[in-house]
Amino acid sequence: MLRRALPARPEARRIMIGTLLSAVGRGLTLPFLFIYLTDVRGLSDARAGLVIGWFGAVTLALSPLGGTLIDKFGARRVVLPCLLVEAIGTGSLALVDSTASAFGVMTLIAIGSSAIWAGQNTILASLTGDGERQRVFGLNFALLNLGIGVGGLISGAVVDVARPVTFQAIYVLDAVSYLMPGLILLTLPHVGHRLAQDRAADTGTAPGGYLTVLRDRPFRRLVLFGLVLTTCGYAQIEVGFAAYSVRVVEVSPRVVAWALAGNTVMIVLSQLLVIRRMEGRSRTGALAAVGAVFATAWLVLGAAGVVGTGNALLAALGVVACSAIFGFGETMLSPVMPALTNALATDELRGRYNAMSSMIFGISGVIGPVTAGPLIGAAHGRLWVAVVVGGCLAASVLALSLRPLLTAAQDGRAAALVREPEPAHA
């Protein structure tokens, strides 16, 4: 099963190795930013939420430029410097000692991360055909989460809010990990260049630029779905999930790290099976199912906040179960969202399509952190649970409304997902 999911081109396999290596570093720090800024560096909950929200705002503002640069100059020339900036910014988190320095460092990280996701997806899409993209993106996500899980297990065993040096160490290691995919890309000199010849649309303002992308009605609906889902899903992990688990369910940050490991175990064990079962099935149906699964995860966490208080074992099990259920939903979302994005995209606009798709996380990254704190503070967290559950279910409805706008092949219902000839170049 694993062999069948691997991309045909060895260059794509090496890019995926870079994903795995960098993910280990990401896993070291993923669940701890809010806790680090508040419990270690002394920022208030509101200021920490604003700092994390600022990161999303800067990323959002720069993402369109990143997509234009990718289409104009090639993903390679954009991704390599961004990885370096990201590494410098992440390492600098270890030195944060005030609100001002936190804003400055998060600005640097946002500059680096603004084009990495779009650029790496564009590179991977250029190295795969339509018939294998869904499988490859799914496997890439499994590797991403395997790395995150390994990093989470390591950090969960060593971090201690009473010892700031433990947090400083994991941010430095995370910074080093961002250099790994860059080094691999440097060994592939023919990968990541322009996918199309110069066109008038390259200015990004002509009809062939972002205006063309925005006129794509199916893609607009996909973006709306993604925005609602990520705001009530992914954007809640670092702030909403962590804060609710620690403040309401009353588990330790170490349990949060274990929960992240449970998320990873679920993804690694089920991703290949889910990919296989999804072949030839409706992508919009899968997206609708993701919303329902995410809603279930938050309901389990909400129940842990009610019945787990005073019972450490029940509390820990509830937090871990929430993360594992959430992970199962991710196994359906991860192959479908980028595959559908690139099925709608053309080569000359592929960078912009992927940039707009990554902007979803920028927008939700602003809304989620800023609203999570006040929502968790109201009604002992019950309002937060109600909002995120309702939002995930609304995303399911949006996914189903997308199906009539797609062809059978775009929706994955056609066996037209046969293996196509490999791209002539990257």
Protein backbone atom coordinates (compact mmCIF):
# COMPACT_ATOMS: atom_id res chain seq x y z
CA MET A 1 0.00 0.00 0.00
CA LEU A 2 2.83 2.39 0.89
CA ARG A 3 4.69 1.58 -2.32
CA ARG A 4 1.61 2.40 -4.39
CA ALA A 5 1.17 5.76 -2.64
CA LEU A 6 4.73 6.87 -3.36
CA PRO A 7 5.16 9.34 -6.24
CA ALA A 8 6.67 8.01 -9.44
CA ARG A 9 9.42 10.62 -9.62
CA PRO A 10 12.36 10.31 -7.20
CA GLU A 11 12.57 14.12 -6.91
CA ALA A 12 9.12 14.17 -5.34
CA ARG A 13 10.16 11.50 -2.86
CA ARG A 14 13.14 13.56 -1.76
CA ILE A 15 10.94 16.65 -1.32
CA MET A 16 8.74 14.55 0.96
CA ILE A 17 11.77 13.53 3.03
CA GLY A 18 12.37 17.24 3.60
CA THR A 19 8.78 17.54 4.80
CA LEU A 20 9.37 14.78 7.34
CA LEU A 21 12.61 16.26 8.69
CA SER A 22 11.25 19.78 9.09
CA ALA A 23 8.08 18.41 10.71
CA VAL A 24 10.06 16.92 13.59
CA GLY A 25 11.13 20.43 14.56
CA ARG A 26 7.62 21.77 14.10
CA GLY A 27 6.30 19.08 16.41
CA LEU A 28 8.65 20.21 19.15
CA THR A 29 6.89 23.57 19.40
CA LEU A 30 3.42 23.20 17.85
CA PRO A 31 1.24 22.93 20.97
CA PHE A 32 3.20 25.30 23.18
CA LEU A 33 3.30 28.80 21.68
CA PHE A 34 0.38 30.16 23.69
CA ILE A 35 1.60 28.47 26.89
CA TYR A 36 5.16 29.69 26.24
CA LEU A 37 4.13 33.30 25.73
CA THR A 38 1.82 33.37 28.76
CA ASP A 39 3.14 30.98 31.41
CA VAL A 40 6.86 31.31 30.58
CA ARG A 41 7.26 34.84 29.16
CA GLY A 42 4.53 36.48 31.22
CA LEU A 43 2.26 37.89 28.48
CA SER A 44 -1.43 38.12 29.29
CA ASP A 45 -3.83 35.79 27.52
CA ALA A 46 -5.18 38.69 25.46
CA ARG A 47 -1.73 39.89 24.38
CA ALA A 48 -0.58 36.39 23.49
CA GLY A 49 -3.70 35.92 21.38
CA LEU A 50 -3.03 39.22 19.61
CA VAL A 51 0.59 38.22 18.93
CA ILE A 52 -0.48 34.93 17.37
CA GLY A 53 -3.27 36.68 15.48
CA TRP A 54 -0.75 39.24 14.17
CA PHE A 55 1.25 36.37 12.70
CA GLY A 56 -1.85 35.30 10.78
CA ALA A 57 -2.52 38.86 9.62
CA VAL A 58 0.99 39.36 8.22
CA THR A 59 0.95 35.94 6.57
CA LEU A 60 -2.39 36.77 5.01
CA ALA A 61 -1.18 40.14 3.71
CA LEU A 62 1.92 38.65 2.09
CA SER A 63 0.46 35.42 0.68
CA PRO A 64 -0.91 37.00 -2.55
CA LEU A 65 2.53 38.44 -3.28
CA GLY A 66 4.05 35.04 -2.64
CA GLY A 67 1.75 33.39 -5.18
CA THR A 68 2.58 36.02 -7.80
CA LEU A 69 6.32 35.60 -7.21
CA ILE A 70 6.03 31.82 -7.47
CA ASP A 71 4.32 32.08 -10.86
CA LYS A 72 6.71 34.78 -12.04
CA PHE A 73 10.07 33.43 -10.88
CA GLY A 74 9.39 29.81 -9.93
CA ALA A 75 8.76 28.25 -6.53
CA ARG A 76 12.44 27.49 -6.00
CA ARG A 77 13.55 31.11 -5.89
CA VAL A 78 10.81 31.93 -3.40
CA VAL A 79 10.87 28.89 -1.10
CA LEU A 80 14.63 28.82 -0.42
CA PRO A 81 14.95 32.35 1.06
CA CYS A 82 11.64 31.95 2.90
CA LEU A 83 12.91 28.81 4.64
CA LEU A 84 15.99 30.73 5.80
CA VAL A 85 13.91 33.63 7.15
CA GLU A 86 11.57 31.18 8.88
CA ALA A 87 14.53 29.46 10.54
CA ILE A 88 15.93 32.76 11.84
CA GLY A 89 12.55 33.88 13.15
CA THR A 90 11.74 30.59 14.86
CA GLY A 91 15.11 30.50 16.59
CA SER A 92 14.58 34.06 17.76
CA LEU A 93 11.49 33.00 19.73
CA ALA A 94 13.90 31.63 22.30
CA LEU A 95 14.95 35.23 23.03
CA VAL A 96 11.49 36.80 23.34
CA ASP A 97 11.13 38.67 26.64
CA SER A 98 8.37 41.22 26.03
CA THR A 99 5.24 41.91 24.01
CA ALA A 100 7.20 44.11 21.60
CA SER A 101 9.85 41.48 20.92
CA ALA A 102 7.14 38.84 20.49
CA PHE A 103 5.45 40.97 17.83
CA GLY A 104 8.77 41.54 16.07
CA VAL A 105 9.75 37.88 16.00
CA MET A 106 6.31 36.73 14.89
CA THR A 107 6.47 39.28 12.06
CA LEU A 108 9.73 37.74 10.86
CA ILE A 109 8.28 34.23 11.06
CA ALA A 110 5.21 35.37 9.12
CA ILE A 111 7.38 36.81 6.34
CA GLY A 112 9.14 33.48 5.98
CA SER A 113 6.05 31.30 6.17
CA SER A 114 3.91 33.41 3.83
CA ALA A 115 5.01 31.56 0.69
CA ILE A 116 6.44 28.26 1.95
CA TRP A 117 3.20 26.27 1.94
CA ALA A 118 2.12 27.50 -1.50
CA GLY A 119 5.61 27.04 -2.91
CA GLN A 120 6.07 23.51 -1.61
CA ASN A 121 2.61 22.45 -2.82
CA THR A 122 3.36 23.96 -6.23
CA ILE A 123 6.64 22.03 -6.42
CA LEU A 124 4.98 18.76 -5.39
CA ALA A 125 2.12 19.30 -7.84
CA SER A 126 4.60 19.96 -10.65
CA LEU A 127 6.27 16.61 -9.96
CA THR A 128 3.06 14.55 -9.99
CA GLY A 129 0.21 13.89 -12.39
CA ASP A 130 -3.51 14.31 -11.65
CA GLY A 131 -3.93 10.56 -11.20
CA GLU A 132 -1.49 10.35 -8.29
CA ARG A 133 -1.75 13.77 -6.64
CA GLN A 134 -4.43 12.86 -4.15
CA ARG A 135 -2.43 9.85 -2.95
CA VAL A 136 0.84 11.80 -2.86
CA PHE A 137 -0.59 14.76 -0.96
CA GLY A 138 -2.13 12.32 1.52
CA LEU A 139 1.16 10.51 2.05
CA ASN A 140 3.01 13.83 2.37
CA PHE A 141 0.58 14.83 5.10
CA ALA A 142 1.11 11.50 6.89
CA LEU A 143 4.88 12.13 6.83
CA LEU A 144 4.29 15.67 8.09
CA ASN A 145 2.33 14.37 11.04
CA LEU A 146 4.74 11.54 11.72
CA GLY A 147 7.46 14.14 12.13
CA ILE A 148 5.23 16.37 14.24
CA GLY A 149 4.35 13.41 16.46
CA VAL A 150 7.97 12.46 17.00
CA GLY A 151 8.78 16.06 17.87
CA GLY A 152 5.78 16.26 20.18
CA LEU A 153 6.84 13.14 22.08
CA ILE A 154 10.31 14.59 22.57
CA SER A 155 9.12 18.01 23.74
CA GLY A 156 6.40 16.52 25.92
CA ALA A 157 9.09 14.65 27.83
CA VAL A 158 11.33 17.66 28.42
CA VAL A 159 9.37 20.93 28.53
CA ASP A 160 8.69 22.45 31.91
CA VAL A 161 7.18 25.91 32.48
CA ALA A 162 9.40 26.24 35.54
CA ARG A 163 12.49 25.87 33.32
CA PRO A 164 12.37 28.39 30.44
CA VAL A 165 15.55 26.90 28.97
CA THR A 166 13.58 23.81 27.93
CA PHE A 167 11.34 25.96 25.75
CA GLN A 168 14.31 27.88 24.37
CA ALA A 169 15.94 24.62 23.34
CA ILE A 170 12.97 23.36 21.36
CA TYR A 171 12.64 26.65 19.45
CA VAL A 172 16.31 26.53 18.47
CA LEU A 173 15.93 22.92 17.28
CA ASP A 174 12.81 23.89 15.36
CA ALA A 175 14.82 26.61 13.61
CA VAL A 176 17.46 24.08 12.53
CA SER A 177 14.77 21.77 11.14
CA TYR A 178 13.57 24.48 8.71
CA LEU A 179 16.93 24.31 6.95
CA MET A 180 16.50 20.62 6.04
CA PRO A 181 14.02 20.96 3.13
CA GLY A 182 16.09 23.86 1.80
CA LEU A 183 19.24 21.75 1.72
CA ILE A 184 17.38 18.98 -0.10
CA LEU A 185 15.98 21.44 -2.64
CA LEU A 186 19.51 22.69 -3.30
CA THR A 187 20.46 19.16 -4.35
CA LEU A 188 17.68 19.22 -6.99
CA PRO A 189 18.78 22.05 -9.33
CA HIS A 190 16.12 21.32 -11.95
CA VAL A 191 13.17 21.33 -9.55
CA GLY A 192 10.95 24.27 -8.71
CA HIS A 193 11.38 26.50 -11.75
CA ARG A 194 8.65 28.32 -13.69
CA LEU A 195 5.77 26.16 -14.88
CA ALA A 196 4.68 28.47 -17.71
CA GLN A 197 6.16 30.97 -20.14
CA ASP A 198 5.90 34.72 -19.62
CA ARG A 199 2.42 36.07 -20.13
CA ALA A 200 0.81 39.44 -19.75
CA ALA A 201 -1.04 38.07 -16.76
CA ASP A 202 2.16 37.81 -14.73
CA THR A 203 1.57 41.27 -13.30
CA GLY A 204 -1.08 39.72 -11.05
CA THR A 205 -3.60 42.43 -11.97
CA ALA A 206 -4.42 41.38 -15.52
CA PRO A 207 -7.39 39.07 -16.21
CA GLY A 208 -4.97 36.14 -16.27
CA GLY A 209 -3.80 36.83 -12.70
CA TYR A 210 -5.68 36.83 -9.41
CA LEU A 211 -8.79 38.17 -11.15
CA THR A 212 -9.00 34.92 -13.09
CA VAL A 213 -8.60 32.92 -9.90
CA LEU A 214 -11.31 34.93 -8.16
CA ARG A 215 -13.69 34.41 -11.08
CA ASP A 216 -13.42 30.65 -10.61
CA ARG A 217 -16.73 30.00 -8.85
CA PRO A 218 -15.95 26.43 -7.70
CA PHE A 219 -12.65 27.59 -6.24
CA ARG A 220 -14.35 30.50 -4.46
CA ARG A 221 -16.72 28.02 -2.82
CA LEU A 222 -13.81 25.77 -1.88
CA VAL A 223 -12.03 28.73 -0.28
CA LEU A 224 -15.16 29.66 1.71
CA PHE A 225 -15.47 26.07 2.93
CA GLY A 226 -11.81 26.02 3.92
CA LEU A 227 -12.07 29.33 5.74
CA VAL A 228 -14.99 28.21 7.91
CA LEU A 229 -13.47 24.80 8.58
CA THR A 230 -9.98 26.03 9.48
CA THR A 231 -11.28 28.86 11.65
CA CYS A 232 -13.26 26.36 13.71
CA GLY A 233 -10.70 23.57 13.29
CA TYR A 234 -6.98 24.05 12.69
CA ALA A 235 -6.86 27.63 13.96
CA GLN A 236 -8.09 26.40 17.34
CA ILE A 237 -5.27 23.91 17.95
CA GLU A 238 -2.56 26.25 19.23
CA VAL A 239 -4.85 28.53 21.25
CA GLY A 240 -8.38 27.16 21.70
CA PHE A 241 -7.51 23.50 22.14
CA ALA A 242 -4.45 24.14 24.30
CA ALA A 243 -6.11 26.80 26.44
CA TYR A 244 -9.36 24.82 26.93
CA SER A 245 -7.40 21.68 27.81
CA VAL A 246 -5.19 23.45 30.38
CA ARG A 247 -7.65 26.00 31.80
CA VAL A 248 -11.00 24.17 31.65
CA VAL A 249 -10.21 20.45 31.54
CA GLU A 250 -7.26 21.19 33.86
CA VAL A 251 -4.66 18.90 32.32
CA SER A 252 -0.95 19.70 32.21
CA PRO A 253 0.89 20.93 29.09
CA ARG A 254 2.50 17.48 28.96
CA VAL A 255 -0.92 15.91 28.39
CA VAL A 256 -1.43 18.35 25.51
CA ALA A 257 1.78 17.01 23.98
CA TRP A 258 0.56 13.44 24.46
CA ALA A 259 -2.67 14.41 22.74
CA LEU A 260 -0.68 15.66 19.78
CA ALA A 261 1.08 12.29 19.72
CA GLY A 262 -2.33 10.57 19.69
CA ASN A 263 -3.30 12.76 16.76
CA THR A 264 -0.20 11.65 14.92
CA VAL A 265 -0.69 7.96 15.67
CA MET A 266 -4.21 8.16 14.25
CA ILE A 267 -2.98 9.89 11.08
CA VAL A 268 -0.01 7.59 10.48
CA LEU A 269 -2.03 4.41 11.07
CA SER A 270 -5.09 5.39 9.05
CA GLN A 271 -3.85 7.74 6.30
CA LEU A 272 -2.93 5.10 3.71
CA LEU A 273 -6.15 3.17 4.34
CA VAL A 274 -8.22 6.33 3.99
CA ILE A 275 -6.43 7.27 0.76
CA ARG A 276 -7.23 3.85 -0.69
CA ARG A 277 -10.88 3.98 0.34
CA MET A 278 -11.30 7.50 -1.07
CA GLU A 279 -10.12 6.67 -4.60
CA GLY A 280 -12.96 7.12 -7.06
CA ARG A 281 -15.23 8.65 -4.39
CA SER A 282 -16.63 12.15 -4.15
CA ARG A 283 -14.15 14.70 -2.84
CA THR A 284 -16.93 17.02 -1.72
CA GLY A 285 -18.49 14.16 0.22
CA ALA A 286 -15.17 13.62 1.96
CA LEU A 287 -14.91 17.33 2.80
CA ALA A 288 -18.41 17.27 4.29
CA ALA A 289 -17.44 14.27 6.41
CA VAL A 290 -14.39 16.18 7.68
CA GLY A 291 -16.62 18.89 9.13
CA ALA A 292 -18.71 16.29 10.94
CA VAL A 293 -15.63 14.54 12.35
CA PHE A 294 -14.09 17.82 13.55
CA ALA A 295 -17.38 18.71 15.26
CA THR A 296 -17.36 15.34 17.01
CA ALA A 297 -13.80 15.95 18.24
CA TRP A 298 -14.76 19.28 19.83
CA LEU A 299 -17.83 17.71 21.44
CA VAL A 300 -15.59 15.09 23.07
CA LEU A 301 -13.31 17.85 24.38
CA GLY A 302 -16.32 19.74 25.68
CA ALA A 303 -17.51 16.61 27.48
CA ALA A 304 -14.06 16.23 29.04
CA GLY A 305 -14.42 19.74 30.45
CA VAL A 306 -17.66 18.69 32.14
CA VAL A 307 -16.96 15.17 33.42
CA GLY A 308 -13.16 15.24 33.56
CA THR A 309 -12.76 18.00 36.14
CA GLY A 310 -11.58 16.38 39.32
CA ASN A 311 -10.73 13.12 37.55
CA ALA A 312 -7.27 13.36 36.04
CA LEU A 313 -7.56 10.13 34.06
CA LEU A 314 -10.89 11.01 32.44
CA ALA A 315 -9.62 14.50 31.69
CA ALA A 316 -6.48 13.21 29.99
CA LEU A 317 -8.39 10.57 28.02
CA GLY A 318 -10.87 13.17 26.80
CA VAL A 319 -8.14 15.50 25.56
CA VAL A 320 -6.24 12.69 23.82
CA ALA A 321 -9.46 11.28 22.30
CA CYS A 322 -10.38 14.70 20.91
CA SER A 323 -7.00 15.02 19.24
CA ALA A 324 -7.17 11.49 17.80
CA ILE A 325 -10.65 12.01 16.35
CA PHE A 326 -9.52 15.32 14.90
CA GLY A 327 -6.62 13.46 13.29
CA PHE A 328 -8.97 11.06 11.54
CA GLY A 329 -10.73 14.03 9.97
CA GLU A 330 -7.37 15.36 8.84
CA THR A 331 -6.64 12.13 6.94
CA MET A 332 -9.62 12.90 4.71
CA LEU A 333 -8.93 16.61 4.35
CA SER A 334 -5.20 16.45 3.63
CA PRO A 335 -5.31 14.59 0.28
CA VAL A 336 -8.50 16.22 -0.99
CA MET A 337 -7.98 19.95 -0.41
CA PRO A 338 -4.66 20.36 -2.28
CA ALA A 339 -5.64 17.84 -4.96
CA LEU A 340 -8.88 19.70 -5.69
CA THR A 341 -7.08 23.05 -5.63
CA ASN A 342 -4.57 21.84 -8.21
CA ALA A 343 -7.28 20.15 -10.29
CA LEU A 344 -8.90 23.57 -10.69
CA ALA A 345 -5.59 25.38 -11.29
CA THR A 346 -3.69 25.93 -14.52
CA ASP A 347 0.12 25.79 -14.72
CA GLU A 348 0.52 29.52 -15.27
CA LEU A 349 -1.64 30.30 -12.22
CA ARG A 350 -0.77 27.31 -10.02
CA GLY A 351 1.25 29.44 -7.61
CA ARG A 352 -1.63 31.87 -7.16
CA TYR A 353 -4.19 29.08 -6.64
CA ASN A 354 -1.99 27.48 -3.99
CA ALA A 355 -1.29 30.87 -2.42
CA MET A 356 -5.00 31.61 -2.11
CA SER A 357 -5.52 28.17 -0.61
CA SER A 358 -2.81 28.87 1.97
CA MET A 359 -4.40 32.27 2.67
CA ILE A 360 -7.24 30.34 4.25
CA PHE A 361 -4.91 29.53 7.11
CA GLY A 362 -3.80 33.16 7.32
CA ILE A 363 -7.35 34.44 7.66
CA SER A 364 -8.36 31.77 10.16
CA GLY A 365 -5.07 32.38 11.95
CA VAL A 366 -6.27 35.91 12.66
CA ILE A 367 -9.82 35.07 13.65
CA GLY A 368 -9.17 31.91 15.64
CA PRO A 369 -6.57 33.09 18.19
CA VAL A 370 -8.18 36.50 18.76
CA THR A 371 -11.62 35.04 19.47
CA ALA A 372 -10.63 31.83 21.27
CA GLY A 373 -9.54 33.51 24.51
CA PRO A 374 -12.74 35.50 25.13
CA LEU A 375 -14.93 32.56 24.06
CA ILE A 376 -13.17 30.18 26.44
CA GLY A 377 -13.49 32.74 29.20
CA ALA A 378 -17.28 32.88 28.75
CA ALA A 379 -19.54 30.30 30.40
CA HIS A 380 -16.54 28.21 31.45
CA GLY A 381 -15.64 27.43 27.84
CA ARG A 382 -19.07 26.17 26.78
CA LEU A 383 -19.57 29.08 24.37
CA TRP A 384 -16.30 28.24 22.63
CA VAL A 385 -17.38 24.60 22.22
CA ALA A 386 -20.73 25.63 20.78
CA VAL A 387 -19.15 28.02 18.26
CA VAL A 388 -16.51 25.62 16.93
CA VAL A 389 -18.95 22.71 16.69
CA GLY A 390 -21.49 24.83 14.84
CA GLY A 391 -18.82 26.20 12.51
CA CYS A 392 -17.57 22.74 11.56
CA LEU A 393 -21.09 21.59 10.73
CA ALA A 394 -21.66 24.73 8.64
CA ALA A 395 -18.51 23.83 6.70
CA SER A 396 -20.03 20.43 5.90
CA VAL A 397 -23.04 22.15 4.33
CA LEU A 398 -20.73 24.36 2.23
CA ALA A 399 -18.84 21.30 1.01
CA LEU A 400 -22.03 19.65 -0.20
CA SER A 401 -23.01 22.86 -2.00
CA LEU A 402 -19.76 22.69 -3.96
CA ARG A 403 -20.53 19.36 -5.66
CA PRO A 404 -22.87 20.73 -8.39
CA LEU A 405 -20.16 23.20 -9.43
CA LEU A 406 -17.58 20.50 -10.22
CA THR A 407 -17.18 18.01 -13.03
CA ALA A 408 -17.15 14.35 -12.07
CA ALA A 409 -13.40 14.21 -12.63
CA GLN A 410 -12.74 17.28 -10.46
CA ASP A 411 -14.90 15.78 -7.72
CA GLY A 412 -12.92 12.55 -7.94
CA ARG A 413 -15.95 10.49 -8.93
CA ALA A 414 -14.58 9.61 -12.36
CA ALA A 415 -12.15 6.82 -12.87
CA ALA A 416 -10.54 9.54 -15.01
CA LEU A 417 -8.08 9.69 -12.19
CA VAL A 418 -6.00 7.29 -14.22
CA ARG A 419 -2.29 7.83 -14.17
CA GLU A 420 -1.39 10.54 -16.63
CA PRO A 421 1.97 10.93 -18.35
CA GLU A 422 4.53 12.45 -16.01
CA PRO A 423 5.07 16.20 -16.36
CA ALA A 424 7.81 17.00 -18.82
CA HIS A 425 9.54 19.32 -16.40
CA ALA A 426 9.30 20.76 -12.92
